[in-house]
Amino acid sequence: MYTGLLNFGIEWGLEKAVGWQGGSVNTTWLWISGKDASGTLGGYDLTISDIAGFQTLRMFELWFQQDFWDDRISLRIGQLAADSKFVISDYAAWFIDGTFGWPAFMYLNLPEGGPASPMSTLGARVAIHPVEWLTFLIAVSQGNVYD
């Protein structure tokens, strides 16, 4: 039994491409293969792996971002995943259990686990970066990824 993931994407800076100052477009795709071991080996409601999902090639994220005032403020809209910027740990990839990525309190309290890998949803995110070492993030997104 194995679970595999190929994650690929592209980001276009619109300034060089079409002269649009501060704009960018990003798309990320996932190719999930194998079978999730959570159902047979896990024995609980949380997934063993963050890369588990239906075997398919799918668009994960597709968003437009506009930066303002020397990148101090940015607005991102489109198909977004909350686990790429919110409630995450930089060290979660070192662990096998999926709860070290998107935490259990989010997964269990949001419809269908919320907008986290491998399913994103429509949303908007504002980032405010007043000084080099500080960033404020706020987002609004659809809670149920299957609606």
Foldseek 3Di string as FASTA:
>chain_A
DDKDKDKDWDKDDCCVVPNDPQKMKIWMKIAIDDAFCCVPPVPDDFGQALADDPGDIGTQWIWMKGADDVNQKMKIWGFDACQVPPPADPCLVVHRGPCNRVHPVQQVPFANRFRHPPATFTKMKMWGHPDDVDIDIDMDTDRHRVD
